[in-house]
């Protein structure tokens, strides 16, 4: 009897476990069906067909790419200049830059959600939701300029245009991956700066200079971050420099390999 009772309990446990596994598999199946239904509803093309560019179009494309990279480089140079030579700028400029660097978290965080939901109606819920954060950060801005609201509006418009230009699933996945990288980049930079904030160089934003221009008396918001603008400048420099360096390395690496191959080939040829 004890053996029969024990085998019955074992059988009941096995059946309960099988039911639980079946429920989990059924849930996963439904989630996969929903995901496939969403992807199939986007009218993706199997693969984007490459467009043959004329020599003139290639030159124009290269010119726009150069302009984009140059703009990023100049923005980084501007931040470093404001960090080390703040006397060239107003207190308002220095302070507002630190606000923009913190608001970057909202931009990269929203970018990840909008990349996933870019072609759904849910994006029109996220736009005003993150707009509330933009409005809140805009209240920190010094002066009457609504720079945070304008920045948010321009970036959201650019994302919407870019999302509807995405035709293939591979391009959609690439947008999500890029947004995830930008989010990780921000988290890495903010944690790194939080750890090393005590050894971040003042540059030109020394306590003596801040007292001289009455920085703490002029800025509208006060916190450990806003009261130490050199920390904000270090954050901004890292935030934009890391992606820029990766992009430039990725662009220049093929040319480096090509030049290295030619040098090795010429050297081998000359020793024959």
C-alpha atoms as a PDB file:
ATOM      1  CA  UNK A   1       0.000   0.000   0.000  1.00  0.00           C
ATOM      2  CA  UNK A   2       2.818   2.370   0.901  1.00  0.00           C
ATOM      3  CA  UNK A   3       4.453   1.633  -2.461  1.00  0.00           C
ATOM      4  CA  UNK A   4       1.151   2.273  -4.313  1.00  0.00           C
ATOM      5  CA  UNK A   5       0.594   5.506  -2.365  1.00  0.00           C
ATOM      6  CA  UNK A   6       4.124   6.692  -3.082  1.00  0.00           C
ATOM      7  CA  UNK A   7       3.837   5.911  -6.800  1.00  0.00           C
ATOM      8  CA  UNK A   8       0.501   7.787  -6.893  1.00  0.00           C
ATOM      9  CA  UNK A   9       2.093  10.874  -5.334  1.00  0.00           C
ATOM     10  CA  UNK A  10       4.996  10.653  -7.787  1.00  0.00           C
ATOM     11  CA  UNK A  11       2.570  10.354 -10.681  1.00  0.00           C
ATOM     12  CA  UNK A  12       0.608  13.390  -9.470  1.00  0.00           C
ATOM     13  CA  UNK A  13       3.809  15.434  -9.222  1.00  0.00           C
ATOM     14  CA  UNK A  14       4.836  14.346 -12.707  1.00  0.00           C
ATOM     15  CA  UNK A  15       1.444  15.299 -14.130  1.00  0.00           C
ATOM     16  CA  UNK A  16       1.508  18.661 -12.322  1.00  0.00           C
ATOM     17  CA  UNK A  17       4.998  19.333 -13.679  1.00  0.00           C
ATOM     18  CA  UNK A  18       3.905  18.432 -17.203  1.00  0.00           C
ATOM     19  CA  UNK A  19       0.917  20.778 -16.929  1.00  0.00           C
ATOM     20  CA  UNK A  20       3.178  23.567 -15.715  1.00  0.00           C
ATOM     21  CA  UNK A  21       5.603  22.999 -18.594  1.00  0.00           C
ATOM     22  CA  UNK A  22       2.678  22.944 -21.032  1.00  0.00           C
ATOM     23  CA  UNK A  23       1.439  26.272 -19.668  1.00  0.00           C
ATOM     24  CA  UNK A  24       4.907  27.814 -20.050  1.00  0.00           C
ATOM     25  CA  UNK A  25       5.253  26.473 -23.607  1.00  0.00           C
ATOM     26  CA  UNK A  26       1.772  27.709 -24.473  1.00  0.00           C
ATOM     27  CA  UNK A  27       2.614  31.165 -23.109  1.00  0.00           C
ATOM     28  CA  UNK A  28       5.855  31.256 -25.102  1.00  0.00           C
ATOM     29  CA  UNK A  29       3.979  30.136 -28.225  1.00  0.00           C
ATOM     30  CA  UNK A  30       1.435  32.923 -27.823  1.00  0.00           C
ATOM     31  CA  UNK A  31       4.192  35.494 -27.298  1.00  0.00           C
ATOM     32  CA  UNK A  32       5.985  34.257 -30.425  1.00  0.00           C
ATOM     33  CA  UNK A  33       2.727  34.421 -32.385  1.00  0.00           C
ATOM     34  CA  UNK A  34       2.136  38.000 -31.210  1.00  0.00           C
ATOM     35  CA  UNK A  35       5.698  38.986 -32.134  1.00  0.00           C
ATOM     36  CA  UNK A  36       5.409  37.371 -35.556  1.00  0.00           C
ATOM     37  CA  UNK A  37       2.015  38.976 -36.070  1.00  0.00           C
ATOM     38  CA  UNK A  38       3.495  42.380 -35.223  1.00  0.00           C
ATOM     39  CA  UNK A  39       6.466  41.889 -37.545  1.00  0.00           C
ATOM     40  CA  UNK A  40       4.330  40.566 -40.379  1.00  0.00           C
ATOM     41  CA  UNK A  41       1.974  43.533 -40.068  1.00  0.00           C
ATOM     42  CA  UNK A  42       4.834  45.954 -40.775  1.00  0.00           C
ATOM     43  CA  UNK A  43       5.082  44.929 -44.431  1.00  0.00           C
ATOM     44  CA  UNK A  44       8.819  44.345 -44.243  1.00  0.00           C
ATOM     45  CA  UNK A  45      10.651  43.568 -47.426  1.00  0.00           C
ATOM     46  CA  UNK A  46      12.887  40.507 -47.269  1.00  0.00           C
ATOM     47  CA  UNK A  47      16.011  42.475 -48.018  1.00  0.00           C
ATOM     48  CA  UNK A  48      16.707  46.036 -49.010  1.00  0.00           C
ATOM     49  CA  UNK A  49      17.949  46.121 -52.564  1.00  0.00           C
ATOM     50  CA  UNK A  50      21.170  48.104 -52.876  1.00  0.00           C
ATOM     51  CA  UNK A  51      20.829  51.296 -54.888  1.00  0.00           C
ATOM     52  CA  UNK A  52      23.391  51.973 -57.563  1.00  0.00           C
ATOM     53  CA  UNK A  53      24.731  55.488 -57.052  1.00  0.00           C
ATOM     54  CA  UNK A  54      26.203  57.619 -59.765  1.00  0.00           C
ATOM     55  CA  UNK A  55      29.664  59.159 -59.156  1.00  0.00           C
ATOM     56  CA  UNK A  56      28.005  62.512 -58.416  1.00  0.00           C
ATOM     57  CA  UNK A  57      25.589  60.915 -55.905  1.00  0.00           C
ATOM     58  CA  UNK A  58      28.492  59.137 -54.182  1.00  0.00           C
ATOM     59  CA  UNK A  59      30.329  62.454 -53.830  1.00  0.00           C
ATOM     60  CA  UNK A  60      27.216  64.142 -52.416  1.00  0.00           C
ATOM     61  CA  UNK A  61      26.683  61.248 -49.976  1.00  0.00           C
ATOM     62  CA  UNK A  62      30.328  61.437 -48.869  1.00  0.00           C
ATOM     63  CA  UNK A  63      29.965  65.216 -48.444  1.00  0.00           C
ATOM     64  CA  UNK A  64      26.922  64.827 -46.192  1.00  0.00           C
ATOM     65  CA  UNK A  65      28.708  62.138 -44.149  1.00  0.00           C
ATOM     66  CA  UNK A  66      31.725  64.415 -43.769  1.00  0.00           C
ATOM     67  CA  UNK A  67      29.440  67.246 -42.669  1.00  0.00           C
ATOM     68  CA  UNK A  68      27.781  64.972 -40.084  1.00  0.00           C
ATOM     69  CA  UNK A  69      31.101  63.782 -38.643  1.00  0.00           C
ATOM     70  CA  UNK A  70      32.502  67.312 -38.673  1.00  0.00           C
ATOM     71  CA  UNK A  71      29.457  68.578 -36.771  1.00  0.00           C
ATOM     72  CA  UNK A  72      29.923  65.900 -34.110  1.00  0.00           C
ATOM     73  CA  UNK A  73      33.628  66.713 -33.833  1.00  0.00           C
ATOM     74  CA  UNK A  74      32.926  70.462 -33.526  1.00  0.00           C
ATOM     75  CA  UNK A  75      30.329  69.826 -30.804  1.00  0.00           C
ATOM     76  CA  UNK A  76      32.849  67.787 -28.809  1.00  0.00           C
ATOM     77  CA  UNK A  77      35.456  70.529 -29.350  1.00  0.00           C
ATOM     78  CA  UNK A  78      32.897  73.103 -28.175  1.00  0.00           C
ATOM     79  CA  UNK A  79      32.276  71.180 -24.938  1.00  0.00           C
ATOM     80  CA  UNK A  80      35.996  70.820 -24.233  1.00  0.00           C
ATOM     81  CA  UNK A  81      36.542  74.532 -24.955  1.00  0.00           C
ATOM     82  CA  UNK A  82      33.732  75.493 -22.554  1.00  0.00           C
ATOM     83  CA  UNK A  83      35.305  73.191 -19.960  1.00  0.00           C
ATOM     84  CA  UNK A  84      38.848  74.532 -20.174  1.00  0.00           C
ATOM     85  CA  UNK A  85      38.202  78.119 -21.326  1.00  0.00           C
ATOM     86  CA  UNK A  86      34.880  79.091 -19.704  1.00  0.00           C
ATOM     87  CA  UNK A  87      35.756  82.789 -19.800  1.00  0.00           C
ATOM     88  CA  UNK A  88      34.901  82.708 -23.519  1.00  0.00           C
ATOM     89  CA  UNK A  89      31.260  81.913 -22.679  1.00  0.00           C
ATOM     90  CA  UNK A  90      28.468  83.159 -20.460  1.00  0.00           C
ATOM     91  CA  UNK A  91      27.419  81.454 -17.228  1.00  0.00           C
ATOM     92  CA  UNK A  92      24.120  80.640 -18.948  1.00  0.00           C
ATOM     93  CA  UNK A  93      25.907  78.671 -21.673  1.00  0.00           C
ATOM     94  CA  UNK A  94      27.962  76.631 -19.199  1.00  0.00           C
ATOM     95  CA  UNK A  95      24.971  75.806 -17.030  1.00  0.00           C
ATOM     96  CA  UNK A  96      22.594  74.971 -19.901  1.00  0.00           C
ATOM     97  CA  UNK A  97      25.138  72.548 -21.334  1.00  0.00           C
ATOM     98  CA  UNK A  98      25.115  70.576 -18.071  1.00  0.00           C
ATOM     99  CA  UNK A  99      21.289  70.403 -18.276  1.00  0.00           C
ATOM    100  CA  UNK A 100      21.454  69.068 -21.843  1.00  0.00           C
ATOM    101  CA  UNK A 101      23.931  66.340 -20.848  1.00  0.00           C
ATOM    102  CA  UNK A 102      21.577  65.022 -18.164  1.00  0.00           C
ATOM    103  CA  UNK A 103      18.584  65.271 -20.498  1.00  0.00           C
ATOM    104  CA  UNK A 104      20.509  62.985 -22.860  1.00  0.00           C
ATOM    105  CA  UNK A 105      19.381  60.096 -20.650  1.00  0.00           C
ATOM    106  CA  UNK A 106      15.739  60.792 -21.544  1.00  0.00           C
ATOM    107  CA  UNK A 107      16.699  60.942 -25.226  1.00  0.00           C
ATOM    108  CA  UNK A 108      18.591  57.633 -25.296  1.00  0.00           C
ATOM    109  CA  UNK A 109      16.049  55.913 -23.039  1.00  0.00           C
ATOM    110  CA  UNK A 110      13.135  57.033 -25.193  1.00  0.00           C
ATOM    111  CA  UNK A 111      15.122  56.174 -28.310  1.00  0.00           C
ATOM    112  CA  UNK A 112      15.253  52.510 -27.341  1.00  0.00           C
ATOM    113  CA  UNK A 113      11.476  52.269 -26.787  1.00  0.00           C
ATOM    114  CA  UNK A 114      10.694  54.241 -29.929  1.00  0.00           C
ATOM    115  CA  UNK A 115      13.014  52.081 -32.014  1.00  0.00           C
ATOM    116  CA  UNK A 116      11.036  49.006 -30.938  1.00  0.00           C
ATOM    117  CA  UNK A 117       7.603  50.615 -31.286  1.00  0.00           C
ATOM    118  CA  UNK A 118       8.415  53.010 -34.097  1.00  0.00           C
ATOM    119  CA  UNK A 119       5.877  51.561 -36.544  1.00  0.00           C
ATOM    120  CA  UNK A 120       3.041  51.082 -34.035  1.00  0.00           C
ATOM    121  CA  UNK A 121       0.416  53.427 -32.616  1.00  0.00           C
ATOM    122  CA  UNK A 122       1.982  53.067 -29.160  1.00  0.00           C
ATOM    123  CA  UNK A 123       4.699  55.515 -30.187  1.00  0.00           C
ATOM    124  CA  UNK A 124       2.102  58.304 -29.992  1.00  0.00           C
ATOM    125  CA  UNK A 125       1.700  57.463 -26.311  1.00  0.00           C
ATOM    126  CA  UNK A 126       5.433  57.548 -25.617  1.00  0.00           C
ATOM    127  CA  UNK A 127       5.989  60.882 -27.378  1.00  0.00           C
ATOM    128  CA  UNK A 128       3.846  62.949 -24.948  1.00  0.00           C
ATOM    129  CA  UNK A 129       4.912  60.787 -21.999  1.00  0.00           C
ATOM    130  CA  UNK A 130       8.588  61.587 -22.563  1.00  0.00           C
ATOM    131  CA  UNK A 131       7.516  65.106 -23.509  1.00  0.00           C
ATOM    132  CA  UNK A 132       6.570  65.602 -19.851  1.00  0.00           C
ATOM    133  CA  UNK A 133      10.174  64.805 -18.894  1.00  0.00           C
ATOM    134  CA  UNK A 134      11.348  67.269 -21.553  1.00  0.00           C
ATOM    135  CA  UNK A 135       9.055  69.929 -20.078  1.00  0.00           C
ATOM    136  CA  UNK A 136      10.414  69.228 -16.588  1.00  0.00           C
ATOM    137  CA  UNK A 137      14.044  69.474 -17.710  1.00  0.00           C
ATOM    138  CA  UNK A 138      13.235  72.624 -19.642  1.00  0.00           C
ATOM    139  CA  UNK A 139      12.247  74.246 -16.333  1.00  0.00           C
ATOM    140  CA  UNK A 140      15.880  73.826 -15.220  1.00  0.00           C
ATOM    141  CA  UNK A 141      17.160  75.859 -18.178  1.00  0.00           C
ATOM    142  CA  UNK A 142      18.630  79.257 -17.443  1.00  0.00           C
ATOM    143  CA  UNK A 143      17.079  82.041 -19.507  1.00  0.00           C
ATOM    144  CA  UNK A 144      13.941  82.205 -21.610  1.00  0.00           C
ATOM    145  CA  UNK A 145      15.095  79.799 -24.335  1.00  0.00           C
ATOM    146  CA  UNK A 146      13.147  76.529 -24.540  1.00  0.00           C
ATOM    147  CA  UNK A 147      16.223  74.665 -25.757  1.00  0.00           C
ATOM    148  CA  UNK A 148      15.229  71.320 -24.217  1.00  0.00           C
ATOM    149  CA  UNK A 149      11.761  71.375 -25.806  1.00  0.00           C
ATOM    150  CA  UNK A 150      13.211  72.328 -29.201  1.00  0.00           C
ATOM    151  CA  UNK A 151      15.875  69.639 -28.904  1.00  0.00           C
ATOM    152  CA  UNK A 152      13.269  67.015 -28.013  1.00  0.00           C
ATOM    153  CA  UNK A 153      10.969  68.070 -30.861  1.00  0.00           C
ATOM    154  CA  UNK A 154      13.738  67.956 -33.478  1.00  0.00           C
ATOM    155  CA  UNK A 155      15.030  64.544 -32.361  1.00  0.00           C
ATOM    156  CA  UNK A 156      11.520  63.033 -32.175  1.00  0.00           C
ATOM    157  CA  UNK A 157      10.723  64.303 -35.674  1.00  0.00           C
ATOM    158  CA  UNK A 158      13.974  62.807 -36.944  1.00  0.00           C
ATOM    159  CA  UNK A 159      13.155  59.451 -35.327  1.00  0.00           C
ATOM    160  CA  UNK A 160       9.665  59.350 -36.805  1.00  0.00           C
ATOM    161  CA  UNK A 161      10.978  60.107 -40.285  1.00  0.00           C
ATOM    162  CA  UNK A 162      13.734  57.518 -39.910  1.00  0.00           C
ATOM    163  CA  UNK A 163      11.360  54.834 -38.616  1.00  0.00           C
ATOM    164  CA  UNK A 164       9.029  55.094 -41.594  1.00  0.00           C
ATOM    165  CA  UNK A 165      11.994  55.006 -43.950  1.00  0.00           C
ATOM    166  CA  UNK A 166      12.988  51.637 -42.458  1.00  0.00           C
ATOM    167  CA  UNK A 167      11.730  49.009 -44.893  1.00  0.00           C
ATOM    168  CA  UNK A 168      13.420  45.758 -43.863  1.00  0.00           C
ATOM    169  CA  UNK A 169      13.495  43.777 -40.647  1.00  0.00           C
ATOM    170  CA  UNK A 170      17.308  43.880 -40.657  1.00  0.00           C
ATOM    171  CA  UNK A 171      17.252  47.688 -40.714  1.00  0.00           C
ATOM    172  CA  UNK A 172      14.690  47.678 -37.885  1.00  0.00           C
ATOM    173  CA  UNK A 173      16.914  45.366 -35.807  1.00  0.00           C
ATOM    174  CA  UNK A 174      19.890  47.619 -36.551  1.00  0.00           C
ATOM    175  CA  UNK A 175      18.003  50.676 -35.251  1.00  0.00           C
ATOM    176  CA  UNK A 176      17.145  48.828 -32.034  1.00  0.00           C
ATOM    177  CA  UNK A 177      20.762  47.717 -31.610  1.00  0.00           C
ATOM    178  CA  UNK A 178      22.063  51.259 -32.138  1.00  0.00           C
ATOM    179  CA  UNK A 179      19.579  52.623 -29.589  1.00  0.00           C
ATOM    180  CA  UNK A 180      20.621  49.930 -27.097  1.00  0.00           C
ATOM    181  CA  UNK A 181      24.296  50.843 -27.623  1.00  0.00           C
ATOM    182  CA  UNK A 182      23.552  54.526 -26.976  1.00  0.00           C
ATOM    183  CA  UNK A 183      21.684  53.645 -23.782  1.00  0.00           C
ATOM    184  CA  UNK A 184      24.560  51.470 -22.553  1.00  0.00           C
ATOM    185  CA  UNK A 185      27.004  54.224 -23.475  1.00  0.00           C
ATOM    186  CA  UNK A 186      25.121  56.723 -21.302  1.00  0.00           C
ATOM    187  CA  UNK A 187      24.933  54.311 -18.359  1.00  0.00           C
ATOM    188  CA  UNK A 188      28.648  53.550 -18.667  1.00  0.00           C
ATOM    189  CA  UNK A 189      29.546  57.257 -18.771  1.00  0.00           C
ATOM    190  CA  UNK A 190      27.306  58.271 -15.868  1.00  0.00           C
ATOM    191  CA  UNK A 191      28.591  55.465 -13.622  1.00  0.00           C
ATOM    192  CA  UNK A 192      32.212  56.143 -14.567  1.00  0.00           C
ATOM    193  CA  UNK A 193      31.875  59.858 -13.833  1.00  0.00           C
ATOM    194  CA  UNK A 194      30.108  59.086 -10.535  1.00  0.00           C
ATOM    195  CA  UNK A 195      33.069  56.917  -9.506  1.00  0.00           C
ATOM    196  CA  UNK A 196      35.877  59.261 -10.595  1.00  0.00           C
ATOM    197  CA  UNK A 197      34.133  62.618  -9.953  1.00  0.00           C
ATOM    198  CA  UNK A 198      36.634  63.460  -7.207  1.00  0.00           C
ATOM    199  CA  UNK A 199      39.559  63.274  -9.625  1.00  0.00           C
ATOM    200  CA  UNK A 200      37.899  64.937 -12.640  1.00  0.00           C
ATOM    201  CA  UNK A 201      40.054  67.975 -13.518  1.00  0.00           C
ATOM    202  CA  UNK A 202      38.483  71.388 -13.034  1.00  0.00           C
ATOM    203  CA  UNK A 203      39.869  72.732 -16.271  1.00  0.00           C
ATOM    204  CA  UNK A 204      38.937  76.398 -16.269  1.00  0.00           C
ATOM    205  CA  UNK A 205      35.901  75.823 -14.047  1.00  0.00           C
ATOM    206  CA  UNK A 206      37.819  76.157 -10.792  1.00  0.00           C
ATOM    207  CA  UNK A 207      36.066  77.178  -7.555  1.00  0.00           C
ATOM    208  CA  UNK A 208      37.880  80.521  -7.788  1.00  0.00           C
ATOM    209  CA  UNK A 209      36.500  81.159 -11.276  1.00  0.00           C
ATOM    210  CA  UNK A 210      32.967  80.142 -10.235  1.00  0.00           C
ATOM    211  CA  UNK A 211      33.138  82.594  -7.297  1.00  0.00           C
ATOM    212  CA  UNK A 212      34.468  85.304  -9.594  1.00  0.00           C
ATOM    213  CA  UNK A 213      31.517  85.047 -12.004  1.00  0.00           C
ATOM    214  CA  UNK A 214      29.016  84.340  -9.181  1.00  0.00           C
ATOM    215  CA  UNK A 215      28.066  81.050 -10.839  1.00  0.00           C
ATOM    216  CA  UNK A 216      26.230  79.578  -7.840  1.00  0.00           C
ATOM    217  CA  UNK A 217      24.320  82.811  -7.327  1.00  0.00           C
ATOM    218  CA  UNK A 218      23.123  83.010 -10.934  1.00  0.00           C
ATOM    219  CA  UNK A 219      22.076  79.440 -11.778  1.00  0.00           C
ATOM    220  CA  UNK A 220      18.402  78.605 -11.068  1.00  0.00           C
ATOM    221  CA  UNK A 221      18.881  75.001  -9.878  1.00  0.00           C
ATOM    222  CA  UNK A 222      21.318  73.644  -7.314  1.00  0.00           C
ATOM    223  CA  UNK A 223      22.525  70.100  -6.743  1.00  0.00           C
ATOM    224  CA  UNK A 224      25.822  68.273  -6.395  1.00  0.00           C
ATOM    225  CA  UNK A 225      25.834  67.900 -10.177  1.00  0.00           C
ATOM    226  CA  UNK A 226      24.793  71.435 -11.196  1.00  0.00           C
ATOM    227  CA  UNK A 227      27.089  73.066  -8.629  1.00  0.00           C
ATOM    228  CA  UNK A 228      30.134  71.281 -10.137  1.00  0.00           C
ATOM    229  CA  UNK A 229      29.972  72.126 -13.876  1.00  0.00           C
ATOM    230  CA  UNK A 230      33.361  70.512 -14.561  1.00  0.00           C
ATOM    231  CA  UNK A 231      31.769  67.128 -13.763  1.00  0.00           C
ATOM    232  CA  UNK A 232      29.012  67.853 -16.281  1.00  0.00           C
ATOM    233  CA  UNK A 233      31.576  68.829 -18.915  1.00  0.00           C
ATOM    234  CA  UNK A 234      33.492  65.593 -18.339  1.00  0.00           C
ATOM    235  CA  UNK A 235      30.225  63.655 -18.708  1.00  0.00           C
ATOM    236  CA  UNK A 236      29.376  65.441 -21.958  1.00  0.00           C
ATOM    237  CA  UNK A 237      32.842  64.900 -23.395  1.00  0.00           C
ATOM    238  CA  UNK A 238      32.705  61.161 -22.712  1.00  0.00           C
ATOM    239  CA  UNK A 239      29.090  60.873 -23.785  1.00  0.00           C
ATOM    240  CA  UNK A 240      29.709  62.122 -27.304  1.00  0.00           C
ATOM    241  CA  UNK A 241      33.365  61.171 -27.771  1.00  0.00           C
ATOM    242  CA  UNK A 242      32.991  57.407 -27.248  1.00  0.00           C
ATOM    243  CA  UNK A 243      30.422  56.850 -30.072  1.00  0.00           C
ATOM    244  CA  UNK A 244      32.337  59.265 -32.305  1.00  0.00           C
ATOM    245  CA  UNK A 245      35.600  57.347 -31.787  1.00  0.00           C
ATOM    246  CA  UNK A 246      33.909  54.010 -32.517  1.00  0.00           C
ATOM    247  CA  UNK A 247      32.369  55.412 -35.698  1.00  0.00           C
ATOM    248  CA  UNK A 248      35.677  56.864 -36.881  1.00  0.00           C
ATOM    249  CA  UNK A 249      37.569  53.639 -36.109  1.00  0.00           C
ATOM    250  CA  UNK A 250      34.924  51.670 -38.008  1.00  0.00           C
ATOM    251  CA  UNK A 251      35.205  54.043 -40.973  1.00  0.00           C
ATOM    252  CA  UNK A 252      38.993  54.285 -41.028  1.00  0.00           C
ATOM    253  CA  UNK A 253      39.788  50.618 -40.306  1.00  0.00           C
ATOM    254  CA  UNK A 254      39.219  49.446 -43.925  1.00  0.00           C
ATOM    255  CA  UNK A 255      41.570  52.178 -45.200  1.00  0.00           C
ATOM    256  CA  UNK A 256      44.177  51.178 -42.601  1.00  0.00           C
ATOM    257  CA  UNK A 257      43.958  47.521 -43.648  1.00  0.00           C
ATOM    258  CA  UNK A 258      44.232  48.510 -47.294  1.00  0.00           C
ATOM    259  CA  UNK A 259      47.323  50.675 -46.698  1.00  0.00           C
ATOM    260  CA  UNK A 260      48.896  47.982 -44.488  1.00  0.00           C
ATOM    261  CA  UNK A 261      48.303  45.360 -47.189  1.00  0.00           C
ATOM    262  CA  UNK A 262      49.919  47.580 -49.827  1.00  0.00           C
ATOM    263  CA  UNK A 263      52.957  48.219 -47.621  1.00  0.00           C
ATOM    264  CA  UNK A 264      53.417  44.504 -46.909  1.00  0.00           C
ATOM    265  CA  UNK A 265      52.907  43.658 -50.593  1.00  0.00           C
ATOM    266  CA  UNK A 266      55.414  46.304 -51.764  1.00  0.00           C
ATOM    267  CA  UNK A 267      57.930  45.182 -49.153  1.00  0.00           C
ATOM    268  CA  UNK A 268      57.593  41.536 -50.176  1.00  0.00           C
ATOM    269  CA  UNK A 269      57.849  42.521 -53.822  1.00  0.00           C
ATOM    270  CA  UNK A 270      61.037  44.532 -53.278  1.00  0.00           C
ATOM    271  CA  UNK A 271      62.795  41.663 -51.431  1.00  0.00           C
ATOM    272  CA  UNK A 272      62.268  39.193 -54.262  1.00  0.00           C
END
